[in-house]
């Protein structure tokens, strides 16, 4: 079943004014509605916390768009599913030259500005899909584009 939720931002998790709108990269994107200084928290990635078995089950459901972020890459013990109670951060698209980075701090996933972000810029992060998994094409359009979301 495709994701047909109304895209929204939960202001409890956003540190700056942000808007969701159509993206040239993929479906919807998250955009800065004001200038954001470098090295500041932009938004917290929120959603349902699930364990390893449920993460694997949801990864097998190819009919849904994935909004999963695993906090512990070694054992997948905690994954946040942004499609269930998400903050709006789940709409941040991939770029090979991102302006956002992920920071796991005390069990929270914070998205931080890598550099100054101007009003109107789309927020992007490098998804860093493993090179061993199925190759996923990249449409970020940056000069540093790898051609796929997977790491080389």
Protein backbone atom coordinates (compact mmCIF):
# COMPACT_ATOMS: atom_id res chain seq x y z
CA UNK A 1 0.00 0.00 0.00
CA UNK A 2 1.56 3.36 -0.98
CA UNK A 3 2.07 6.10 1.60
CA UNK A 4 -0.88 8.48 1.21
CA UNK A 5 -0.54 10.39 4.48
CA UNK A 6 -0.76 14.16 4.30
CA UNK A 7 2.87 15.35 4.62
CA UNK A 8 3.32 17.41 7.76
CA UNK A 9 5.90 18.67 10.25
CA UNK A 10 5.46 18.20 13.98
CA UNK A 11 6.63 21.54 15.43
CA UNK A 12 7.59 19.85 18.73
CA UNK A 13 10.63 18.36 16.97
CA UNK A 14 11.67 21.19 14.61
CA UNK A 15 14.09 23.92 15.71
CA UNK A 16 13.46 26.08 12.63
CA UNK A 17 10.53 26.81 10.35
CA UNK A 18 10.33 24.05 7.76
CA UNK A 19 7.86 23.16 5.03
CA UNK A 20 7.06 19.98 3.11
CA UNK A 21 6.50 20.36 -0.62
CA UNK A 22 7.12 18.44 -3.85
CA UNK A 23 10.80 17.69 -4.47
CA UNK A 24 12.77 17.32 -7.70
CA UNK A 25 14.70 14.50 -5.99
CA UNK A 26 11.81 12.26 -4.89
CA UNK A 27 8.11 12.78 -4.13
CA UNK A 28 8.10 15.23 -1.21
CA UNK A 29 11.01 17.01 0.41
CA UNK A 30 11.63 19.09 3.50
CA UNK A 31 12.62 22.70 2.82
CA UNK A 32 13.98 25.49 5.02
CA UNK A 33 11.41 28.26 5.54
CA UNK A 34 14.13 30.43 7.12
CA UNK A 35 17.92 30.57 7.12
CA UNK A 36 19.56 27.89 9.28
CA UNK A 37 23.10 28.39 10.64
CA UNK A 38 25.75 25.66 10.32
CA UNK A 39 26.13 23.10 13.12
CA UNK A 40 22.65 23.67 14.58
CA UNK A 41 19.97 21.09 15.31
CA UNK A 42 17.35 21.35 12.58
CA UNK A 43 14.87 18.61 13.50
CA UNK A 44 14.68 15.38 15.46
CA UNK A 45 13.79 12.22 13.53
CA UNK A 46 10.83 10.79 15.45
CA UNK A 47 8.47 7.89 15.06
CA UNK A 48 7.69 4.44 16.36
CA UNK A 49 10.64 2.62 17.96
CA UNK A 50 10.84 -0.99 16.83
CA UNK A 51 13.22 -3.89 17.40
CA UNK A 52 15.28 -6.08 15.08
CA UNK A 53 12.56 -8.60 14.11
CA UNK A 54 9.98 -5.93 13.32
CA UNK A 55 12.58 -3.93 11.35
CA UNK A 56 13.32 -6.96 9.17
CA UNK A 57 9.58 -7.63 8.69
CA UNK A 58 8.93 -4.03 7.61
CA UNK A 59 11.91 -4.05 5.25
CA UNK A 60 10.27 -7.01 3.49
CA UNK A 61 7.11 -5.00 2.77
CA UNK A 62 8.09 -3.58 -0.62
CA UNK A 63 4.63 -2.08 -1.20
CA UNK A 64 5.29 0.70 1.33
CA UNK A 65 7.73 3.57 1.18
CA UNK A 66 10.41 3.09 3.81
CA UNK A 67 10.98 5.68 6.54
CA UNK A 68 13.23 3.51 8.71
CA UNK A 69 16.37 4.73 10.46
CA UNK A 70 18.35 2.23 12.53
CA UNK A 71 20.13 3.77 15.52
CA UNK A 72 22.44 0.81 16.12
CA UNK A 73 23.83 -0.44 12.79
CA UNK A 74 25.59 -3.40 14.46
CA UNK A 75 22.60 -5.29 15.81
CA UNK A 76 19.53 -3.33 14.62
CA UNK A 77 18.24 -3.34 18.20
CA UNK A 78 16.53 0.04 17.81
CA UNK A 79 15.00 1.39 14.60
CA UNK A 80 12.77 4.44 14.29
CA UNK A 81 9.92 4.16 11.77
CA UNK A 82 9.10 7.72 10.73
CA UNK A 83 5.94 6.59 8.93
CA UNK A 84 4.31 6.05 12.35
CA UNK A 85 4.16 9.28 14.33
CA UNK A 86 6.99 10.92 12.40
CA UNK A 87 8.24 14.46 12.92
CA UNK A 88 8.47 15.42 9.24
CA UNK A 89 12.18 14.56 9.11
CA UNK A 90 11.23 11.41 7.20
CA UNK A 91 10.75 13.64 4.14
CA UNK A 92 14.43 14.58 4.02
CA UNK A 93 15.70 13.13 0.76
CA UNK A 94 19.10 11.64 -0.08
CA UNK A 95 21.92 13.63 -1.65
CA UNK A 96 25.53 12.66 -2.31
CA UNK A 97 26.42 16.22 -1.20
CA UNK A 98 24.07 16.67 1.78
CA UNK A 99 23.50 19.74 3.93
CA UNK A 100 22.28 17.70 6.94
CA UNK A 101 24.02 15.01 9.01
CA UNK A 102 22.60 12.52 11.49
CA UNK A 103 23.73 12.54 15.12
CA UNK A 104 22.58 9.88 17.57
CA UNK A 105 22.63 11.45 21.02
CA UNK A 106 21.25 9.79 24.17
CA UNK A 107 18.87 7.61 22.18
CA UNK A 108 17.60 10.46 19.99
CA UNK A 109 18.29 10.92 16.29
CA UNK A 110 19.06 14.57 15.64
CA UNK A 111 19.53 16.07 12.19
CA UNK A 112 22.18 18.78 12.28
CA UNK A 113 23.09 21.38 9.65
CA UNK A 114 26.46 20.50 8.06
CA UNK A 115 26.71 24.01 6.64
CA UNK A 116 24.57 27.13 6.50
CA UNK A 117 21.25 26.44 4.80
CA UNK A 118 19.38 29.21 3.02
CA UNK A 119 15.66 29.76 3.09
CA UNK A 120 14.12 27.74 0.26
CA UNK A 121 16.89 25.08 0.18
CA UNK A 122 15.83 21.45 0.29
CA UNK A 123 17.25 19.59 3.30
CA UNK A 124 19.21 16.50 2.26
CA UNK A 125 21.18 13.75 3.96
CA UNK A 126 23.41 10.95 2.65
CA UNK A 127 21.43 7.76 3.28
CA UNK A 128 24.66 5.71 3.01
CA UNK A 129 22.94 2.49 1.97
CA UNK A 130 25.41 -0.41 2.22
CA UNK A 131 27.23 -1.27 -0.99
CA UNK A 132 26.34 -4.94 -0.47
CA UNK A 133 22.60 -4.30 -0.69
CA UNK A 134 20.60 -3.90 -3.90
CA UNK A 135 21.72 -0.80 -5.81
CA UNK A 136 19.30 2.12 -5.59
CA UNK A 137 19.63 4.84 -8.26
CA UNK A 138 20.31 8.39 -7.07
CA UNK A 139 18.56 11.44 -8.48
CA UNK A 140 20.16 14.13 -6.28
CA UNK A 141 21.70 16.01 -9.20
CA UNK A 142 24.77 17.17 -7.23
CA UNK A 143 28.19 17.47 -8.87
CA UNK A 144 29.41 14.78 -6.43
CA UNK A 145 26.61 12.33 -7.30
CA UNK A 146 27.70 8.66 -7.01
CA UNK A 147 24.89 7.56 -9.34
CA UNK A 148 23.36 5.46 -6.59
CA UNK A 149 22.40 5.91 -2.96
CA UNK A 150 24.62 2.98 -1.97
CA UNK A 151 28.16 3.61 -0.77
CA UNK A 152 30.86 2.62 -3.26
